[in-house]
Structures are given as structure tokens and as C-alpha cells.
Amino acid sequence: MRVMALNACELEIDLLCRGMRIPDGVSLEGARGIARTRAGLGSGLEMVLPTGSWMKPEVWVNVPVVESFARQSPYVLSGSPHDGYVVTNEETRDAYAVRIPREPRWYARLTSRDIPMNHIGVLQGTYLGIYVNLVCTFWNYSPALNCRFCTTGQNIGESESADKAVSDVIETCWAAKEESGVTFVHLNGGFQGTRGIQFTEPYIEAIKEEVGMLVGVQLAPERDFSRYDRLIDLGVDHLSFCIEFWNPKWFAEVCPGKEKMLGQQLFLDALEYCARRMPKGAVSGEIIAGLEPIEDTVSAIEHIAGLGAFPTVCIFRPTVGADMESWPPPQYDAMRDVMLRVYDACRRNWIPIGAAPNIEVSLVVNPDDAALLAPRNREFWLYEAYRRTARLAAAPLFAWRQRPRRRRPEPKSRRGGDASGSPGVAA
């Protein structure tokens, strides 16, 4: 095996842009299933890339493998669960040792309402993702007003339950926390008019009271900003807003429902309001890179970081079944530059990226992943010293925020899977 031509973050970017092929003879026994849940972006193979760096030992990535563009990828997986796995670029002959995390045993367990826990929530990286609202109402219009890159309307009720009771969510959160070491649960949902935030409140309150995890919420913005004050009072740790595009033309064309019912400015105003109300780095603005002009994406990154929030930049993935399924993915060089801009904007605005414990998002290039792209100059080391200090200083606060507020009730059911409580490897 040659010395790696790409570092772990560069490989992560290239895999997100080009996907990977899995030959028929390669066994994925025990790996996390390739399931289309939520918006469909997690429909790839979960993989861990070692970095060789003490600053960040590994990078998580959800590699596209079922999309049509992945069939032309030069990247090919080989190996087995017993001997380990290698990803080889057949064009360059560069090979990379990787780890494929195993599916946690609690995935097969049933909640007390007889719903498989992996139909309630799934691990995407090291965090638990749960779509809590009813299916996004943009899918109910004729013609549909759904975002053109999204497949939520096809996935909810199929590969994940459309009906998630608070008890289902609590039982799944407990399993993920105890057996997979999960610290953060991300609750998201589609457009529900003026009901979306209110609908999530019982879930947030119950998780904070009974489980004690860090909780993030991602919903369509609502015009009554006092509802965000209510979420903060309930103990929400993170709020994110899917701005999607900085360019108004791209926003309107790709997100017709958001344009018609909400308008781009509402997303920006809600982001700014919450960034003022919450600690620096506790709010994020989400942007899709690879469709609108790169200079617009960079403008979005600068605006978000300038508010004290961090930019979450998703490399466009033409998911199976989406309206934009046949669109090409973006090119590596442009996406590498975008991700370096993310890190640089966070550095210049002193955003404490990576401060929260054990949160690795596999669907995007995390801002702290992009530290592997940055030049090692004085500014870099000052910022990295700041980030390390922020992690240490914030550790007691995060530990306190992960404590249940009241004594845990006895679970009603532990059927299915392995009831021994043996930990998985997701953490």
C-alpha cells in the first residue's frame, strides 16, 4: 500500500463527490444497513477514515454507493469484516485502510409499541438522527412543492416510522446512549406551517427530563421568534436552519415550497435571532455546495460565521428518487476549496467548532474535519489552541447538560436484539 496521496478530509470530500463501488464478493456482514431515511442523504455506507493525527484521530463519512454516479467511481472497496477493509482508487492505485462501523444491536430491538428502533432513529456518524414531525407538507401539494434534492416524502412511512410516539423516542434514545455512547440527538422535521416547533416540544422536554442527551433541532423557521425562546428554555443545545442556497434564484428554483410559503429572508432572520440568543457555535446555517456558483456559497459561509454560528456545508448528492437524481455531483477541487473556506471563516470568527463531546456527522464535512486542509501557520496554531481550551473549559458544562433531570423510569420492553446492554462500536 502506498503512502496516502490524500489526507482523510481530502479523501472524505472525494468520496462524497465520486462515490464508491462495492464488488459483489465483498461482505458487509454486520455493517450498518444502507437505508434511505429522513431526506435520503444518509443512503450510503457509513465509513471511518483514520487521519494519523492526534488532533482528530478519525473522520466519519457516509459514502454514496447506490446512486448512479457511484457506478463510475474509481474508488472500490475490498476486504472483509475479519481482515479489515481497504478503499482503492483504481485510477491512481492509491489505497486507504478504512473501518466500517458495525450495526448496533439495539437497531433490531422493538419499542414498547412494537416498532423497530431503527425505524425511530438511526446513527449517522456518532449522533442519533430522528425525524419527529409528520411528513413535510410540501409533498402534499399538487404539484408538489418539495425541495428538489429531497426524498423525505418517499422515506417517511417506508424505511422509517411515520408515527413516532414520545415513548418510542425515549426508549430509542436510551438504547443509543447506553449501548452506543451517543451524546447528541438531532430532531428534524419538514414544513408544518406554524405547528412544527410546538410539535417537537414534548420530545425535547422528555429527552432532557428522562435521558439527558444533548439535543439539536432543525425545522422550517416560523415567524413568531418567541417560539425559539421556548425551545431554549426547554434546554435545546443546538438549532440549525437549512438555508440551502445564498443565491435567491437557486433558492427559488430548487426549494419552491420554502420560497412560496416562507421566503429566503425568514431563514436568515431566524438564524440571526437564534445566534444572538445562544452561545457562539450553538447555532448553524446549512448550505448545499455544488449547485449555485461557488462565490455565492462562500458568501453564505462568511455571513453565517460572521453571526457567531457555524456553517454546515453539504456536498450536493443526487439521491435516488429525488427530482434531481440525474444531476451530476460537484467536482473535488471546488469542494476542497469550499471546505477550506469553512474552516478559515470559523477561525477568523473564533467559532469553537468541535467543542461538544463525541459528535461526528457523517453526512457532511465537519468544520473541524477541514482543519486537515489548512496551512500550518501561526494563525492555525493559535486557533487550534483556542479550540482545545474551549473543549476543556466546556467539558463540565456538557457533562451537566447530559444529566437526566429526573430519575429514569423502568423501560416497558427490551424485546428483540440483544438485551445484555453490550456496547456497539458507534462511539
Protein backbone atom coordinates (compact mmCIF):
# COMPACT_ATOMS: atom_id res chain seq x y z
CA MET A 1 0.00 0.00 0.00
CA ARG A 2 1.42 3.38 -0.99
CA VAL A 3 1.60 6.37 1.28
CA MET A 4 -1.77 8.10 1.11
CA ALA A 5 -1.98 10.65 -1.69
CA LEU A 6 -4.95 12.31 0.01
CA ASN A 7 -5.34 13.01 3.70
CA ALA A 8 -8.51 11.81 5.45
CA CYS A 9 -10.50 15.01 4.85
CA GLU A 10 -9.49 15.14 1.20
CA LEU A 11 -10.50 11.51 0.81
CA GLU A 12 -13.80 12.26 2.55
CA ILE A 13 -14.51 15.06 0.06
CA ASP A 14 -13.58 12.96 -2.96
CA LEU A 15 -15.74 10.05 -1.80
CA LEU A 16 -18.71 12.37 -1.32
CA CYS A 17 -18.17 13.74 -4.83
CA ARG A 18 -17.47 10.45 -6.62
CA GLY A 19 -18.99 7.69 -4.50
CA MET A 20 -17.62 4.16 -4.29
CA ARG A 21 -18.21 0.74 -5.85
CA ILE A 22 -18.70 -2.40 -3.75
CA PRO A 23 -17.99 -5.63 -5.69
CA ASP A 24 -20.44 -8.48 -5.22
CA GLY A 25 -17.89 -10.61 -3.38
CA VAL A 26 -17.17 -8.05 -0.65
CA SER A 27 -19.02 -8.93 2.54
CA LEU A 28 -20.61 -6.18 4.60
CA GLU A 29 -21.86 -8.59 7.24
CA GLY A 30 -22.52 -6.73 10.47
CA ALA A 31 -22.21 -3.26 8.91
CA ARG A 32 -24.82 -0.58 9.39
CA GLY A 33 -27.56 -1.05 6.84
CA ILE A 34 -27.80 1.21 3.81
CA ALA A 35 -31.22 2.74 4.44
CA ARG A 36 -32.94 5.78 3.00
CA THR A 37 -34.30 7.73 5.95
CA ARG A 38 -35.14 11.36 6.57
CA ALA A 39 -34.15 13.43 3.49
CA GLY A 40 -32.32 10.48 1.93
CA LEU A 41 -28.81 11.89 2.28
CA GLY A 42 -27.75 9.07 4.60
CA SER A 43 -28.38 6.40 1.96
CA GLY A 44 -24.72 5.43 1.69
CA LEU A 45 -22.26 3.23 3.54
CA GLU A 46 -21.01 4.53 6.88
CA MET A 47 -17.21 4.52 6.95
CA VAL A 48 -14.45 5.76 9.27
CA LEU A 49 -11.20 7.16 7.85
CA PRO A 50 -8.15 7.22 10.16
CA THR A 51 -6.28 10.52 9.99
CA GLY A 52 -2.95 9.70 11.58
CA SER A 53 -3.27 12.98 13.50
CA TRP A 54 -3.53 13.41 17.26
CA MET A 55 -5.69 16.49 16.68
CA LYS A 56 -8.51 14.40 15.23
CA PRO A 57 -7.87 10.65 15.02
CA GLU A 58 -10.63 9.80 12.56
CA VAL A 59 -13.16 11.23 10.12
CA TRP A 60 -16.64 9.79 9.55
CA VAL A 61 -18.24 9.75 6.09
CA ASN A 62 -21.45 8.37 4.60
CA VAL A 63 -20.19 7.22 1.19
CA PRO A 64 -22.60 7.23 -1.78
CA VAL A 65 -22.85 3.69 -3.14
CA VAL A 66 -26.37 3.34 -4.57
CA GLU A 67 -26.56 6.48 -6.71
CA SER A 68 -25.90 6.13 -10.44
CA PHE A 69 -22.77 8.30 -10.37
CA ALA A 70 -21.15 5.90 -7.87
CA ARG A 71 -21.13 3.15 -10.52
CA GLN A 72 -18.49 5.13 -12.43
CA SER A 73 -16.37 5.83 -9.35
CA PRO A 74 -12.68 4.89 -9.40
CA TYR A 75 -12.96 4.01 -5.71
CA VAL A 76 -13.50 0.33 -4.96
CA LEU A 77 -13.96 -1.37 -1.58
CA SER A 78 -12.17 -4.62 -0.78
CA GLY A 79 -11.64 -6.73 2.33
CA SER A 80 -13.88 -8.34 4.92
CA PRO A 81 -15.18 -7.85 8.47
CA HIS A 82 -12.46 -10.19 9.73
CA ASP A 83 -9.42 -8.91 7.80
CA GLY A 84 -10.36 -5.24 7.58
CA TYR A 85 -11.25 -3.07 4.62
CA VAL A 86 -9.32 -1.08 2.04
CA VAL A 87 -10.56 1.56 -0.39
CA THR A 88 -8.52 1.70 -3.60
CA ASN A 89 -8.54 4.38 -6.27
CA GLU A 90 -8.14 2.34 -9.45
CA GLU A 91 -7.04 5.42 -11.42
CA THR A 92 -4.12 6.33 -9.15
CA ARG A 93 -3.62 2.93 -7.42
CA ASP A 94 -3.63 4.70 -4.06
CA ALA A 95 -5.08 2.56 -1.28
CA TYR A 96 -6.52 3.60 2.08
CA ALA A 97 -7.21 1.42 5.10
CA VAL A 98 -10.69 2.20 6.47
CA ARG A 99 -13.02 0.99 9.19
CA ILE A 100 -16.67 0.11 8.66
CA PRO A 101 -18.65 0.55 11.90
CA ARG A 102 -20.91 -2.31 12.90
CA GLU A 103 -24.64 -2.02 13.26
CA PRO A 104 -25.63 -1.59 16.90
CA ARG A 105 -27.63 -4.40 18.46
CA TRP A 106 -30.39 -2.07 19.58
CA TYR A 107 -31.36 -1.43 15.93
CA ALA A 108 -33.29 -4.73 15.95
CA ARG A 109 -34.95 -4.16 19.29
CA LEU A 110 -38.64 -3.24 19.46
CA THR A 111 -40.03 -0.32 21.39
CA SER A 112 -42.91 -0.95 23.78
CA ARG A 113 -45.23 -0.19 20.83
CA ASP A 114 -43.60 -2.95 18.74
CA ILE A 115 -41.72 -0.61 16.39
CA PRO A 116 -38.10 -1.48 15.46
CA MET A 117 -35.84 1.12 16.99
CA ASN A 118 -34.03 1.70 13.69
CA HIS A 119 -37.40 2.87 12.30
CA ILE A 120 -37.43 5.52 15.02
CA GLY A 121 -33.85 6.78 14.78
CA VAL A 122 -30.58 5.96 13.02
CA LEU A 123 -26.94 6.64 13.70
CA GLN A 124 -25.35 8.96 11.17
CA GLY A 125 -21.77 9.13 12.29
CA THR A 126 -21.82 9.12 16.08
CA TYR A 127 -25.08 11.02 16.59
CA LEU A 128 -28.68 9.85 16.59
CA GLY A 129 -30.95 11.32 13.92
CA ILE A 130 -34.73 11.28 14.40
CA TYR A 131 -37.35 12.76 12.06
CA VAL A 132 -40.03 13.70 14.57
CA ASN A 133 -42.67 15.60 12.61
CA LEU A 134 -45.22 14.24 10.18
CA VAL A 135 -44.07 14.12 6.57
CA CYS A 136 -43.19 17.57 5.22
CA THR A 137 -46.39 19.14 3.92
CA PHE A 138 -44.63 20.43 0.80
CA TRP A 139 -45.10 16.88 -0.50
CA ASN A 140 -48.89 17.12 -0.14
CA TYR A 141 -49.46 19.90 -2.67
CA SER A 142 -50.36 19.26 -6.30
CA PRO A 143 -47.99 19.82 -7.92
CA ALA A 144 -45.66 19.05 -5.04
CA LEU A 145 -43.58 21.88 -3.57
CA ASN A 146 -40.86 19.67 -2.09
CA CYS A 147 -37.19 20.63 -2.31
CA ARG A 148 -35.87 19.04 -5.49
CA PHE A 149 -32.95 17.26 -3.80
CA CYS A 150 -35.07 15.70 -1.03
CA THR A 151 -36.77 12.28 -0.75
CA THR A 152 -38.41 12.69 2.67
CA GLY A 153 -41.88 12.11 1.23
CA GLN A 154 -40.77 8.71 -0.10
CA ASN A 155 -38.94 7.58 3.03
CA ILE A 156 -41.27 8.51 5.89
CA GLY A 157 -43.62 5.59 6.42
CA GLU A 158 -41.41 3.24 4.37
CA SER A 159 -37.90 2.84 5.79
CA GLU A 160 -38.81 4.74 8.94
CA SER A 161 -41.97 5.03 11.01
CA ALA A 162 -44.30 7.93 10.25
CA ASP A 163 -45.75 7.71 13.76
CA LYS A 164 -43.16 8.26 16.47
CA ALA A 165 -44.62 8.49 19.95
CA VAL A 166 -42.63 10.23 22.67
CA SER A 167 -42.19 6.85 24.37
CA ASP A 168 -40.66 5.39 21.18
CA VAL A 169 -38.17 8.22 21.00
CA ILE A 170 -37.24 7.99 24.69
CA GLU A 171 -36.64 4.24 24.54
CA THR A 172 -34.53 4.61 21.39
CA CYS A 173 -32.52 7.47 22.88
CA TRP A 174 -31.78 5.41 25.98
CA ALA A 175 -30.59 2.47 23.88
CA ALA A 176 -28.36 4.70 21.75
CA LYS A 177 -26.92 6.44 24.80
CA GLU A 178 -26.24 3.31 26.85
CA GLU A 179 -25.08 0.94 24.13
CA SER A 180 -23.52 3.21 21.50
CA GLY A 181 -22.25 6.02 23.70
CA VAL A 182 -24.33 8.61 21.84
CA THR A 183 -24.26 12.09 23.37
CA PHE A 184 -26.32 14.06 20.83
CA VAL A 185 -29.74 13.51 19.26
CA HIS A 186 -30.76 15.59 16.27
CA LEU A 187 -34.50 16.13 15.85
CA ASN A 188 -35.57 17.36 12.46
CA GLY A 189 -38.78 17.73 10.52
CA GLY A 190 -40.27 19.27 7.41
CA PHE A 191 -42.60 22.19 6.91
CA GLN A 192 -45.67 22.06 9.18
CA GLY A 193 -46.93 25.63 8.92
CA THR A 194 -46.98 27.18 12.40
CA ARG A 195 -47.11 23.82 14.22
CA GLY A 196 -43.62 22.43 13.69
CA ILE A 197 -41.83 23.89 16.71
CA GLN A 198 -44.73 23.23 19.06
CA PHE A 199 -44.93 19.63 17.84
CA THR A 200 -41.32 18.96 18.89
CA GLU A 201 -41.59 20.40 22.41
CA PRO A 202 -42.84 17.20 24.14
CA TYR A 203 -39.93 15.24 22.62
CA ILE A 204 -37.35 17.80 23.73
CA GLU A 205 -38.76 18.04 27.23
CA ALA A 206 -38.92 14.25 27.65
CA ILE A 207 -35.38 13.68 26.35
CA LYS A 208 -33.99 16.34 28.67
CA GLU A 209 -36.01 15.12 31.64
CA GLU A 210 -35.63 11.35 31.23
CA VAL A 211 -32.50 10.70 29.14
CA GLY A 212 -30.23 13.71 29.47
CA MET A 213 -28.73 13.90 25.98
CA LEU A 214 -27.62 16.99 24.10
CA VAL A 215 -30.49 17.92 21.77
CA GLY A 216 -30.39 19.66 18.41
CA VAL A 217 -33.43 20.81 16.45
CA GLN A 218 -33.71 21.55 12.73
CA LEU A 219 -37.09 22.79 11.48
CA ALA A 220 -38.52 25.19 8.97
CA PRO A 221 -38.42 28.69 10.50
CA GLU A 222 -41.54 30.24 11.98
CA ARG A 223 -42.33 33.93 12.12
CA ASP A 224 -43.03 34.03 15.85
CA PHE A 225 -39.47 34.04 17.14
CA SER A 226 -40.64 33.75 20.75
CA ARG A 227 -41.08 30.06 19.99
CA TYR A 228 -37.31 29.76 19.77
CA ASP A 229 -37.10 31.31 23.23
CA ARG A 230 -39.37 28.49 24.39
CA LEU A 231 -37.03 25.87 22.88
CA ILE A 232 -34.05 27.47 24.58
CA ASP A 233 -35.93 27.45 27.89
CA LEU A 234 -36.61 23.74 27.40
CA GLY A 235 -32.86 23.17 27.17
CA VAL A 236 -32.16 22.83 23.44
CA ASP A 237 -28.41 22.74 22.88
CA HIS A 238 -28.28 23.41 19.14
CA LEU A 239 -30.52 24.97 16.48
CA SER A 240 -29.91 24.68 12.76
CA PHE A 241 -31.53 26.28 9.73
CA CYS A 242 -31.48 24.83 6.22
CA ILE A 243 -30.81 27.97 4.21
CA GLU A 244 -29.72 25.69 1.33
CA PHE A 245 -28.64 28.46 -1.08
CA TRP A 246 -27.40 32.02 -0.84
CA ASN A 247 -28.33 32.80 -4.44
CA PRO A 248 -32.06 33.76 -4.49
CA LYS A 249 -32.56 32.26 -7.95
CA TRP A 250 -31.25 28.86 -6.90
CA PHE A 251 -33.23 29.01 -3.65
CA ALA A 252 -36.48 29.65 -5.53
CA GLU A 253 -35.90 27.04 -8.23
CA VAL A 254 -34.69 24.18 -6.04
CA CYS A 255 -36.81 24.93 -2.96
CA PRO A 256 -40.18 26.07 -4.36
CA GLY A 257 -42.11 25.37 -1.14
CA LYS A 258 -39.68 27.29 1.00
CA GLU A 259 -39.75 30.19 -1.45
CA LYS A 260 -43.56 30.30 -1.70
CA MET A 261 -44.50 29.69 1.94
CA LEU A 262 -41.59 31.20 3.85
CA GLY A 263 -39.12 33.14 1.74
CA GLN A 264 -35.35 33.07 1.98
CA GLN A 265 -35.15 36.09 4.28
CA LEU A 266 -37.07 34.32 7.05
CA PHE A 267 -34.37 31.65 7.24
CA LEU A 268 -31.68 34.32 7.55
CA ASP A 269 -33.63 36.32 10.14
CA ALA A 270 -34.37 33.25 12.28
CA LEU A 271 -30.71 32.21 12.11
CA GLU A 272 -29.56 35.66 13.21
CA TYR A 273 -32.10 35.84 16.05
CA CYS A 274 -31.09 32.47 17.48
CA ALA A 275 -27.38 33.18 17.05
CA ARG A 276 -27.84 36.26 19.26
CA ARG A 277 -29.75 34.25 21.89
CA MET A 278 -27.48 31.21 22.10
CA PRO A 279 -23.75 30.72 22.81
CA LYS A 280 -21.31 31.09 19.94
CA GLY A 281 -21.28 27.90 17.89
CA ALA A 282 -24.63 26.63 19.22
CA VAL A 283 -26.44 27.60 16.00
CA SER A 284 -25.66 26.55 12.45
CA GLY A 285 -26.73 27.51 8.96
CA GLU A 286 -26.86 24.69 6.43
CA ILE A 287 -25.82 25.24 2.83
CA ILE A 288 -25.67 22.93 -0.19
CA ALA A 289 -22.44 23.25 -2.18
CA GLY A 290 -22.04 22.24 -5.78
CA LEU A 291 -25.12 23.75 -7.44
CA GLU A 292 -25.10 27.53 -7.10
CA PRO A 293 -21.93 29.46 -8.07
CA ILE A 294 -19.10 28.86 -5.62
CA GLU A 295 -18.81 32.58 -4.86
CA ASP A 296 -22.40 32.52 -3.57
CA THR A 297 -21.65 29.53 -1.33
CA VAL A 298 -18.61 31.38 0.04
CA SER A 299 -20.78 34.45 0.73
CA ALA A 300 -23.15 32.26 2.74
CA ILE A 301 -20.26 30.78 4.71
CA GLU A 302 -18.95 34.25 5.56
CA HIS A 303 -22.39 35.52 6.60
CA ILE A 304 -23.14 32.55 8.85
CA ALA A 305 -19.76 32.58 10.59
CA GLY A 306 -19.98 36.37 10.98
CA LEU A 307 -23.09 35.87 13.11
CA GLY A 308 -21.23 33.58 15.50
CA ALA A 309 -22.86 30.46 14.02
CA PHE A 310 -21.03 27.74 12.17
CA PRO A 311 -21.58 26.85 8.51
CA THR A 312 -22.68 23.27 7.86
CA VAL A 313 -21.93 22.68 4.19
CA CYS A 314 -23.38 19.63 2.49
CA ILE A 315 -21.85 18.48 -0.79
CA PHE A 316 -24.76 18.07 -3.23
CA ARG A 317 -25.78 14.41 -3.54
CA PRO A 318 -28.18 13.42 -6.36
CA THR A 319 -30.11 10.90 -4.29
CA VAL A 320 -32.10 8.04 -5.78
CA GLY A 321 -35.72 9.04 -6.34
CA ALA A 322 -35.15 12.79 -5.97
CA ASP A 323 -36.22 15.22 -8.70
CA MET A 324 -32.51 15.99 -9.19
CA GLU A 325 -31.43 12.35 -9.26
CA SER A 326 -29.85 12.70 -12.72
CA TRP A 327 -27.83 15.83 -11.89
CA PRO A 328 -24.04 15.38 -11.70
CA PRO A 329 -22.27 15.68 -8.35
CA PRO A 330 -19.75 18.53 -7.95
CA GLN A 331 -16.02 18.32 -8.61
CA TYR A 332 -13.45 17.60 -5.92
CA ASP A 333 -11.24 20.69 -6.41
CA ALA A 334 -14.12 23.12 -5.96
CA MET A 335 -15.43 21.30 -2.88
CA ARG A 336 -11.99 21.16 -1.29
CA ASP A 337 -11.74 24.94 -1.65
CA VAL A 338 -15.22 25.40 -0.15
CA MET A 339 -14.39 23.28 2.89
CA LEU A 340 -11.15 25.15 3.46
CA ARG A 341 -13.20 28.37 3.36
CA VAL A 342 -15.47 26.91 6.06
CA TYR A 343 -12.55 26.28 8.39
CA ASP A 344 -10.99 29.68 7.65
CA ALA A 345 -14.28 31.53 8.33
CA CYS A 346 -14.69 29.70 11.64
CA ARG A 347 -11.08 30.51 12.55
CA ARG A 348 -11.39 34.22 11.80
CA ASN A 349 -14.63 34.45 13.79
CA TRP A 350 -13.35 32.27 16.67
CA ILE A 351 -16.16 29.73 16.40
CA PRO A 352 -15.43 26.90 18.89
CA ILE A 353 -16.01 24.07 16.40
CA GLY A 354 -15.63 20.55 17.78
CA ALA A 355 -16.15 21.59 21.41
CA ALA A 356 -19.08 19.25 22.12
CA PRO A 357 -18.19 15.64 23.00
CA ASN A 358 -18.45 12.76 20.52
CA ILE A 359 -20.35 14.44 17.70
CA GLU A 360 -19.13 13.27 14.31
CA VAL A 361 -21.54 13.90 11.43
CA SER A 362 -21.04 11.51 8.52
CA LEU A 363 -23.31 13.30 6.02
CA VAL A 364 -21.18 16.44 5.74
CA VAL A 365 -17.58 17.54 6.06
CA ASN A 366 -17.47 18.74 9.65
CA PRO A 367 -15.79 22.15 10.06
CA ASP A 368 -13.16 20.56 12.31
CA ASP A 369 -12.51 17.86 9.67
CA ALA A 370 -11.41 20.72 7.44
CA ALA A 371 -8.58 21.54 9.83
CA LEU A 372 -6.72 18.84 7.90
CA LEU A 373 -6.84 21.11 4.84
CA ALA A 374 -5.46 24.27 6.45
CA PRO A 375 -1.86 25.52 6.19
CA ARG A 376 0.12 25.09 9.39
CA ASN A 377 0.85 28.74 10.14
CA ARG A 378 0.73 30.89 13.25
CA GLU A 379 -2.99 31.64 12.84
CA PHE A 380 -3.76 27.93 12.56
CA TRP A 381 -1.96 27.02 15.78
CA LEU A 382 -3.49 29.92 17.72
CA TYR A 383 -6.96 28.84 16.67
CA GLU A 384 -6.28 25.19 17.44
CA ALA A 385 -5.02 26.17 20.91
CA TYR A 386 -8.23 28.16 21.39
CA ARG A 387 -10.35 25.18 20.29
CA ARG A 388 -8.54 22.85 22.67
CA THR A 389 -9.03 25.29 25.54
CA ALA A 390 -12.71 25.64 24.64
CA ARG A 391 -13.18 21.84 24.69
CA LEU A 392 -11.60 21.54 28.11
CA ALA A 393 -13.49 24.50 29.55
CA ALA A 394 -16.83 23.32 28.16
CA ALA A 395 -16.48 19.68 29.25
CA PRO A 396 -18.09 20.15 32.71
CA LEU A 397 -20.98 22.13 31.17
CA PHE A 398 -21.67 19.45 28.55
CA ALA A 399 -21.48 16.74 31.22
CA TRP A 400 -24.04 18.64 33.28
CA ARG A 401 -26.35 19.13 30.29
CA GLN A 402 -26.30 15.39 29.63
CA ARG A 403 -27.68 14.52 33.05
CA PRO A 404 -31.35 13.46 33.20
CA ARG A 405 -33.41 15.94 35.16
CA ARG A 406 -35.38 13.22 36.89
CA ARG A 407 -34.91 9.57 37.76
CA ARG A 408 -35.10 7.22 34.82
CA PRO A 409 -38.32 5.18 34.57
CA GLU A 410 -38.05 1.44 34.09
CA PRO A 411 -38.30 0.52 30.38
CA LYS A 412 -41.51 -1.25 29.39
CA SER A 413 -39.87 -3.50 26.83
CA ARG A 414 -36.47 -4.72 25.74
CA ARG A 415 -37.60 -7.25 23.18
CA GLY A 416 -35.54 -8.11 20.14
CA GLY A 417 -31.84 -7.63 19.56
CA ASP A 418 -29.50 -8.24 22.46
CA ALA A 419 -30.83 -7.25 25.88
CA SER A 420 -27.44 -7.64 27.54
CA GLY A 421 -26.58 -3.98 27.05
CA SER A 422 -23.35 -4.83 25.24
CA PRO A 423 -21.97 -1.65 23.70
CA GLY A 424 -21.74 -1.23 19.96
CA VAL A 425 -18.82 0.40 18.18
CA ALA A 426 -20.53 3.57 17.02
CA ALA A 427 -18.93 5.65 19.74
